[in-house]
N, C-alpha and C. Protein backbone atom coordinates (compact mmCIF):
# COMPACT_ATOMS: atom_id res chain seq x y z
N MET A 1 2.51 -35.21 8.78
CA MET A 1 2.96 -33.66 8.88
C MET A 1 2.07 -33.07 9.57
N LYS A 2 2.56 -32.26 10.57
CA LYS A 2 1.80 -31.50 11.63
C LYS A 2 1.86 -30.06 11.06
N LEU A 3 0.79 -29.14 10.82
CA LEU A 3 0.83 -28.13 10.51
C LEU A 3 0.46 -27.01 11.55
N VAL A 4 1.06 -25.75 11.82
CA VAL A 4 0.88 -25.07 13.00
C VAL A 4 0.56 -23.73 12.51
N THR A 5 -0.32 -23.04 13.00
CA THR A 5 -0.83 -21.47 12.57
C THR A 5 0.14 -20.59 13.24
N ILE A 6 0.93 -19.76 12.20
CA ILE A 6 1.68 -18.86 12.67
C ILE A 6 1.13 -17.42 12.34
N ALA A 7 -0.08 -17.23 11.78
CA ALA A 7 -0.45 -15.84 11.86
C ALA A 7 -1.98 -15.89 11.32
N GLN A 8 -2.70 -14.77 11.61
CA GLN A 8 -4.11 -14.82 11.28
C GLN A 8 -4.39 -13.52 10.53
N PHE A 9 -5.01 -13.47 9.56
CA PHE A 9 -5.26 -12.25 8.77
C PHE A 9 -6.82 -11.71 8.30
N ASP A 10 -7.05 -10.55 8.51
CA ASP A 10 -8.36 -10.22 8.12
C ASP A 10 -8.84 -10.56 6.69
N THR A 11 -7.89 -10.28 5.75
CA THR A 11 -8.12 -10.45 4.13
C THR A 11 -7.17 -11.55 3.93
N SER A 12 -7.57 -11.99 2.74
CA SER A 12 -6.70 -13.10 2.02
C SER A 12 -5.75 -12.47 1.46
N VAL A 13 -5.77 -11.15 0.95
CA VAL A 13 -4.84 -10.37 0.15
C VAL A 13 -3.59 -10.34 1.11
N GLU A 14 -3.90 -9.86 2.29
CA GLU A 14 -2.58 -9.63 3.45
C GLU A 14 -2.15 -11.31 3.45
N ALA A 15 -2.93 -12.33 3.57
CA ALA A 15 -2.31 -13.42 3.89
C ALA A 15 -1.50 -14.08 2.75
N HIS A 16 -1.97 -13.72 1.44
CA HIS A 16 -1.13 -13.97 0.17
C HIS A 16 0.12 -13.29 -0.02
N LEU A 17 0.35 -12.01 0.52
CA LEU A 17 1.36 -11.49 0.61
C LEU A 17 2.53 -12.01 1.40
N ILE A 18 2.10 -12.29 2.62
CA ILE A 18 3.08 -13.07 3.57
C ILE A 18 3.31 -14.46 3.07
N LYS A 19 2.34 -15.25 2.45
CA LYS A 19 2.79 -16.56 2.20
C LYS A 19 3.54 -16.50 1.11
N SER A 20 3.47 -15.71 0.00
CA SER A 20 4.50 -15.71 -1.03
C SER A 20 5.72 -15.33 -0.52
N ARG A 21 6.06 -14.49 0.40
CA ARG A 21 7.28 -14.05 0.97
C ARG A 21 7.92 -15.26 1.46
N ILE A 22 7.19 -15.89 2.11
CA ILE A 22 7.66 -17.30 3.18
C ILE A 22 7.93 -18.27 1.99
N GLU A 23 7.31 -18.34 1.11
CA GLU A 23 7.49 -19.68 0.08
C GLU A 23 8.68 -19.08 -0.75
N ASP A 24 9.08 -17.77 -0.89
CA ASP A 24 10.29 -17.53 -1.55
C ASP A 24 11.51 -18.06 -0.99
N GLU A 25 11.19 -18.45 0.34
CA GLU A 25 12.41 -18.91 0.94
C GLU A 25 12.40 -20.47 1.16
N GLU A 26 11.69 -20.97 0.18
CA GLU A 26 11.23 -22.43 0.03
C GLU A 26 10.77 -23.34 1.16
N ILE A 27 9.82 -22.46 1.76
CA ILE A 27 9.11 -23.12 2.90
C ILE A 27 7.55 -23.21 2.54
N GLN A 28 7.32 -24.42 2.57
CA GLN A 28 5.71 -24.57 2.20
C GLN A 28 4.95 -24.20 3.31
N CYS A 29 3.82 -23.45 2.56
CA CYS A 29 2.90 -23.16 3.68
C CYS A 29 1.55 -22.88 2.99
N PHE A 30 0.13 -22.96 3.76
CA PHE A 30 -0.84 -23.16 3.36
C PHE A 30 -1.85 -21.94 3.74
N LEU A 31 -2.75 -21.76 3.56
CA LEU A 31 -3.80 -20.84 4.00
C LEU A 31 -5.10 -21.64 4.24
N ASN A 32 -5.85 -21.45 5.48
CA ASN A 32 -7.18 -22.11 5.85
C ASN A 32 -8.07 -20.97 5.91
N ASP A 33 -9.36 -21.26 5.41
CA ASP A 33 -10.33 -20.64 5.38
C ASP A 33 -10.59 -19.08 4.54
N GLU A 34 -9.62 -19.31 3.58
CA GLU A 34 -9.46 -17.97 2.50
C GLU A 34 -10.78 -17.97 1.84
N TYR A 35 -11.19 -19.26 1.37
CA TYR A 35 -12.33 -19.50 0.40
C TYR A 35 -13.54 -19.09 1.10
N MET A 36 -13.71 -19.48 2.44
CA MET A 36 -15.05 -19.07 3.20
C MET A 36 -14.98 -17.66 3.45
N MET A 37 -14.01 -17.04 3.49
CA MET A 37 -14.06 -15.25 3.63
C MET A 37 -14.45 -15.00 2.58
N GLY A 38 -13.98 -15.63 1.10
CA GLY A 38 -14.48 -15.00 -0.04
C GLY A 38 -16.13 -15.18 -0.18
N VAL A 39 -16.67 -16.45 0.36
CA VAL A 39 -18.16 -16.45 0.19
C VAL A 39 -18.85 -15.47 1.03
N ASN A 40 -18.23 -15.13 2.02
CA ASN A 40 -18.71 -14.25 3.10
C ASN A 40 -17.97 -13.51 4.32
N PRO A 41 -17.66 -12.48 3.81
CA PRO A 41 -16.59 -11.70 4.74
C PRO A 41 -16.87 -11.69 6.34
N MET A 42 -18.15 -11.90 6.61
CA MET A 42 -18.68 -11.83 7.77
C MET A 42 -18.09 -13.07 8.86
N TYR A 43 -17.81 -14.16 8.03
CA TYR A 43 -17.22 -15.26 8.52
C TYR A 43 -15.89 -15.09 9.21
N ASN A 44 -15.49 -14.05 8.71
CA ASN A 44 -14.07 -13.60 9.35
C ASN A 44 -14.09 -13.59 10.96
N TYR A 45 -15.24 -12.94 11.32
CA TYR A 45 -15.30 -13.19 13.05
C TYR A 45 -15.50 -14.37 13.78
N SER A 46 -16.38 -15.05 12.97
CA SER A 46 -16.24 -16.47 13.49
C SER A 46 -15.34 -17.59 13.06
N LEU A 47 -14.66 -17.44 12.21
CA LEU A 47 -13.47 -18.50 11.89
C LEU A 47 -12.18 -17.86 12.55
N GLY A 48 -12.27 -16.64 12.76
CA GLY A 48 -10.79 -16.12 13.27
C GLY A 48 -10.07 -15.70 12.26
N GLY A 49 -10.59 -15.32 10.94
CA GLY A 49 -9.67 -14.75 9.90
C GLY A 49 -9.00 -15.99 8.91
N VAL A 50 -8.27 -15.48 8.19
CA VAL A 50 -7.59 -16.41 7.29
C VAL A 50 -6.16 -16.88 7.94
N ARG A 51 -5.93 -18.00 8.26
CA ARG A 51 -4.96 -18.62 9.01
C ARG A 51 -3.83 -19.07 8.15
N LEU A 52 -2.69 -18.76 8.31
CA LEU A 52 -1.38 -19.12 7.68
C LEU A 52 -0.85 -20.19 8.56
N LYS A 53 -0.57 -21.60 7.90
CA LYS A 53 0.07 -22.46 8.63
C LYS A 53 1.24 -23.01 7.77
N VAL A 54 2.32 -23.44 8.47
CA VAL A 54 3.57 -24.18 8.04
C VAL A 54 3.76 -25.32 8.80
N ARG A 55 4.49 -26.11 8.29
CA ARG A 55 5.01 -27.34 8.90
C ARG A 55 5.65 -27.09 10.07
N GLU A 56 5.41 -27.95 11.29
CA GLU A 56 6.04 -27.77 12.53
C GLU A 56 7.54 -27.55 12.59
N GLU A 57 8.40 -28.09 11.69
CA GLU A 57 9.68 -27.81 11.55
C GLU A 57 10.06 -26.63 10.84
N ASP A 58 9.19 -25.91 10.28
CA ASP A 58 9.49 -24.70 9.48
C ASP A 58 8.99 -23.53 10.56
N VAL A 59 8.59 -23.60 11.69
CA VAL A 59 7.77 -22.53 12.38
C VAL A 59 8.82 -21.37 12.77
N GLU A 60 10.06 -21.71 13.02
CA GLU A 60 10.95 -20.81 13.52
C GLU A 60 11.39 -19.89 12.45
N ARG A 61 11.69 -20.41 11.50
CA ARG A 61 12.17 -19.47 10.28
C ARG A 61 11.17 -18.80 9.64
N ALA A 62 9.85 -19.24 9.69
CA ALA A 62 8.65 -18.61 9.33
C ALA A 62 8.49 -17.26 9.69
N LYS A 63 8.68 -17.47 11.13
CA LYS A 63 8.22 -16.53 12.14
C LYS A 63 9.32 -15.33 12.16
N GLU A 64 10.85 -15.85 11.75
CA GLU A 64 11.85 -14.88 11.30
C GLU A 64 11.61 -14.09 10.30
N ILE A 65 10.80 -14.71 9.20
CA ILE A 65 10.68 -14.02 7.86
C ILE A 65 9.54 -12.97 8.26
N MET A 66 8.71 -13.54 8.88
CA MET A 66 7.52 -12.46 9.36
C MET A 66 8.14 -11.46 10.15
N GLU A 67 9.02 -11.82 11.05
CA GLU A 67 9.77 -10.38 12.04
C GLU A 67 10.35 -9.61 11.08
N GLU A 68 11.09 -10.15 9.98
CA GLU A 68 11.82 -9.19 8.96
C GLU A 68 10.71 -8.32 8.41
N ILE A 69 9.75 -8.71 7.80
CA ILE A 69 8.74 -8.14 7.30
C ILE A 69 8.28 -6.80 7.93
N GLU A 70 7.94 -7.28 9.22
CA GLU A 70 7.29 -6.16 10.34
C GLU A 70 8.43 -5.42 10.72
N GLN A 71 9.76 -5.50 10.71
CA GLN A 71 10.65 -4.45 10.91
C GLN A 71 11.23 -3.77 9.65
N THR A 72 10.46 -3.88 8.51
CA THR A 72 10.60 -2.93 7.26
C THR A 72 9.89 -1.87 7.51
N PHE A 73 10.67 -0.62 7.03
CA PHE A 73 10.06 0.64 7.44
C PHE A 73 8.93 0.89 6.59
N HIS A 74 7.67 1.66 6.81
CA HIS A 74 6.75 1.85 5.88
C HIS A 74 7.01 3.31 5.46
N ARG A 75 6.85 3.47 4.14
CA ARG A 75 7.36 4.69 3.51
C ARG A 75 5.92 5.23 2.60
N ASP A 76 6.04 6.80 2.60
CA ASP A 76 5.09 7.18 1.84
C ASP A 76 5.41 7.31 0.26
N ASP A 77 4.50 8.25 -0.32
CA ASP A 77 4.56 8.44 -1.66
C ASP A 77 5.90 8.89 -2.19
N ASN A 78 6.62 9.75 -1.37
CA ASN A 78 7.72 10.46 -1.54
C ASN A 78 9.00 9.72 -1.02
N ASP A 79 8.77 8.43 -0.78
CA ASP A 79 10.05 7.44 -0.29
C ASP A 79 10.43 8.13 1.19
N LYS A 80 9.65 8.91 1.95
CA LYS A 80 10.13 9.26 3.10
C LYS A 80 9.56 8.19 4.28
N ILE A 81 10.16 7.67 5.17
CA ILE A 81 9.86 6.90 6.39
C ILE A 81 8.66 7.54 7.05
N ILE A 82 7.67 6.85 7.34
CA ILE A 82 6.67 7.28 7.99
C ILE A 82 6.76 7.21 9.36
N ARG A 83 6.48 8.33 10.27
CA ARG A 83 6.68 8.32 11.63
C ARG A 83 5.71 9.03 12.33
N CYS A 84 5.42 8.18 13.60
CA CYS A 84 4.48 8.83 14.48
C CYS A 84 4.65 10.33 14.85
N PRO A 85 3.37 11.06 14.45
CA PRO A 85 3.39 12.73 14.82
C PRO A 85 3.68 12.98 16.06
N ASN A 86 3.39 12.05 17.03
CA ASN A 86 3.48 12.39 18.37
C ASN A 86 4.83 12.35 19.04
N CYS A 87 5.40 10.97 18.59
CA CYS A 87 6.70 10.73 19.24
C CYS A 87 7.86 10.67 18.11
N GLY A 88 7.59 10.56 17.21
CA GLY A 88 8.51 10.59 15.85
C GLY A 88 8.80 8.88 15.74
N SER A 89 8.35 8.01 16.41
CA SER A 89 8.87 6.62 16.17
C SER A 89 8.58 6.15 14.70
N SER A 90 9.23 4.90 14.31
CA SER A 90 8.83 4.57 12.84
C SER A 90 8.01 3.15 13.10
N GLU A 91 8.25 2.96 14.54
CA GLU A 91 7.45 1.57 14.57
C GLU A 91 5.90 1.67 15.06
N PHE A 92 5.19 0.99 14.06
CA PHE A 92 3.67 1.16 14.33
C PHE A 92 2.97 -0.28 13.71
N TYR A 93 1.80 -0.28 14.09
CA TYR A 93 0.89 -1.35 13.46
C TYR A 93 0.22 -0.45 12.17
N HIS A 94 0.22 -1.19 11.15
CA HIS A 94 -0.23 -0.39 9.73
C HIS A 94 -1.81 -1.29 9.78
N GLY A 95 -2.84 -0.36 9.42
CA GLY A 95 -4.25 -1.20 9.23
C GLY A 95 -5.23 -1.46 10.48
N VAL A 96 -4.64 -0.76 11.54
CA VAL A 96 -5.61 -0.95 12.58
C VAL A 96 -7.05 -0.56 12.46
N LYS A 97 -7.89 -1.12 12.85
CA LYS A 97 -9.44 -0.86 12.90
C LYS A 97 -9.65 0.03 13.91
N THR A 98 -10.31 1.21 13.81
CA THR A 98 -10.58 2.02 14.90
C THR A 98 -12.28 2.63 14.78
N LEU A 99 -13.00 3.03 15.69
CA LEU A 99 -13.91 3.65 15.54
C LEU A 99 -14.09 5.10 16.27
N LYS A 100 -13.00 5.87 16.40
CA LYS A 100 -12.89 6.91 16.77
C LYS A 100 -13.45 8.19 15.82
N SER A 101 -13.58 7.85 14.71
CA SER A 101 -13.98 9.12 13.76
C SER A 101 -15.87 9.00 13.88
N ALA A 102 -16.25 10.27 13.55
CA ALA A 102 -17.59 10.55 13.68
C ALA A 102 -18.44 9.42 12.31
N LYS A 103 -17.75 9.16 11.59
CA LYS A 103 -18.25 8.44 10.26
C LYS A 103 -18.25 7.06 10.93
N SER A 104 -17.42 6.67 11.57
CA SER A 104 -17.22 5.12 12.11
C SER A 104 -18.26 4.96 13.14
N LYS A 105 -18.56 5.95 14.03
CA LYS A 105 -19.39 5.78 14.92
C LYS A 105 -20.91 5.66 14.64
N PHE A 106 -21.14 6.75 13.58
CA PHE A 106 -22.44 6.57 12.78
C PHE A 106 -22.66 5.25 12.32
N ALA A 107 -21.72 4.72 11.51
CA ALA A 107 -21.91 3.63 10.84
C ALA A 107 -22.16 2.35 11.82
N MET A 108 -21.59 2.46 12.84
CA MET A 108 -21.81 1.40 13.75
C MET A 108 -23.23 1.62 14.59
N LEU A 109 -23.61 2.74 14.88
CA LEU A 109 -24.91 2.92 15.22
C LEU A 109 -26.00 2.34 14.19
N VAL A 110 -25.78 2.62 12.86
CA VAL A 110 -26.73 2.35 12.01
C VAL A 110 -26.76 0.90 11.94
N ALA A 111 -25.51 0.10 12.01
CA ALA A 111 -25.31 -1.35 11.80
C ALA A 111 -26.02 -1.84 12.92
N LEU A 112 -26.05 -1.24 14.44
CA LEU A 112 -26.65 -1.92 15.47
C LEU A 112 -27.90 -1.87 15.43
N VAL A 113 -28.60 -0.48 14.92
CA VAL A 113 -30.09 -0.59 14.82
C VAL A 113 -30.66 -1.59 13.67
N LEU A 114 -30.09 -1.63 12.66
CA LEU A 114 -30.51 -2.45 11.58
C LEU A 114 -30.14 -3.83 11.54
N SER A 115 -29.26 -4.19 12.68
CA SER A 115 -28.61 -5.62 12.74
C SER A 115 -27.84 -6.00 11.66
N ILE A 116 -27.12 -4.94 10.95
CA ILE A 116 -26.29 -5.25 9.72
C ILE A 116 -25.07 -5.45 10.13
N PHE A 117 -24.26 -6.39 10.06
CA PHE A 117 -22.78 -6.57 10.36
C PHE A 117 -22.00 -7.07 9.09
N PRO A 118 -20.59 -6.74 9.08
CA PRO A 118 -20.08 -6.02 9.98
C PRO A 118 -20.16 -4.51 9.71
N PHE A 119 -19.96 -3.63 10.50
CA PHE A 119 -20.06 -2.28 10.34
C PHE A 119 -18.53 -1.69 10.01
N ALA A 120 -18.66 -0.47 9.42
CA ALA A 120 -17.38 -0.01 8.69
C ALA A 120 -16.64 0.74 9.87
N ALA A 121 -15.39 0.42 9.53
CA ALA A 121 -14.39 1.24 10.58
C ALA A 121 -13.30 1.72 9.87
N ASP A 122 -12.63 2.76 10.39
CA ASP A 122 -11.51 3.37 9.69
C ASP A 122 -10.30 2.47 9.87
N SER A 123 -9.31 2.64 9.05
CA SER A 123 -8.06 1.76 9.16
C SER A 123 -7.01 2.91 9.45
N VAL A 124 -6.31 2.68 10.44
CA VAL A 124 -5.37 3.94 10.96
C VAL A 124 -4.03 3.20 11.14
N ASN A 125 -2.98 3.85 11.49
CA ASN A 125 -1.66 3.40 12.04
C ASN A 125 -1.73 3.58 13.61
N LEU A 126 -1.06 2.68 14.33
CA LEU A 126 -1.13 2.79 15.75
C LEU A 126 0.36 2.69 16.22
N CYS A 127 0.73 3.68 16.78
CA CYS A 127 2.24 3.75 17.18
C CYS A 127 2.49 2.76 18.53
N LYS A 128 3.65 1.69 18.25
CA LYS A 128 3.86 0.84 19.15
C LYS A 128 4.56 1.55 20.40
N VAL A 129 5.12 2.65 20.36
CA VAL A 129 5.73 3.20 21.47
C VAL A 129 4.50 4.06 22.25
N CYS A 130 3.74 4.95 21.91
CA CYS A 130 2.96 5.97 22.43
C CYS A 130 1.36 5.68 22.16
N ASP A 131 1.16 4.74 21.41
CA ASP A 131 -0.37 4.36 21.27
C ASP A 131 -1.22 5.51 20.49
N THR A 132 -0.71 6.28 19.81
CA THR A 132 -1.06 7.22 19.06
C THR A 132 -1.61 6.58 17.51
N GLU A 133 -2.88 6.95 17.39
CA GLU A 133 -3.51 6.47 16.27
C GLU A 133 -3.27 7.79 15.29
N PHE A 134 -2.79 7.40 13.97
CA PHE A 134 -2.59 8.18 13.07
C PHE A 134 -2.82 7.87 11.54
N GLU A 135 -3.19 8.77 10.55
CA GLU A 135 -3.12 8.25 9.23
C GLU A 135 -1.89 8.50 8.60
N SER A 136 -1.57 7.62 7.45
CA SER A 136 -0.41 7.83 6.66
C SER A 136 -0.18 9.03 5.90
């Protein structure tokens, strides 16, 4: 049985959410390096994150399921679809790390001076259409 990596995640929580959805469709899948991330989150950068693997014959269906998840609209607390403030698109990447805020830049500077890694970065949404970064 050959296993194929179909996705990589920064956290095991994200990986488990997708894994459980794929398993709901009776596709067997596995997570690699999730325990290494638990031991030391800095291993994320050297190991490439938590990898989701499926059997070679299940790759297409698993990718279809992930695409369905990606196409689901993100909603706010009032159940309204979140849209880009610049172009109005509802297609965006959620949880993208950015260093544009003053807090993130300061944290990066301190981390570099003191050789402390990883440094803090803000999580934002990134519009797929116009590349605008925005918060939910």
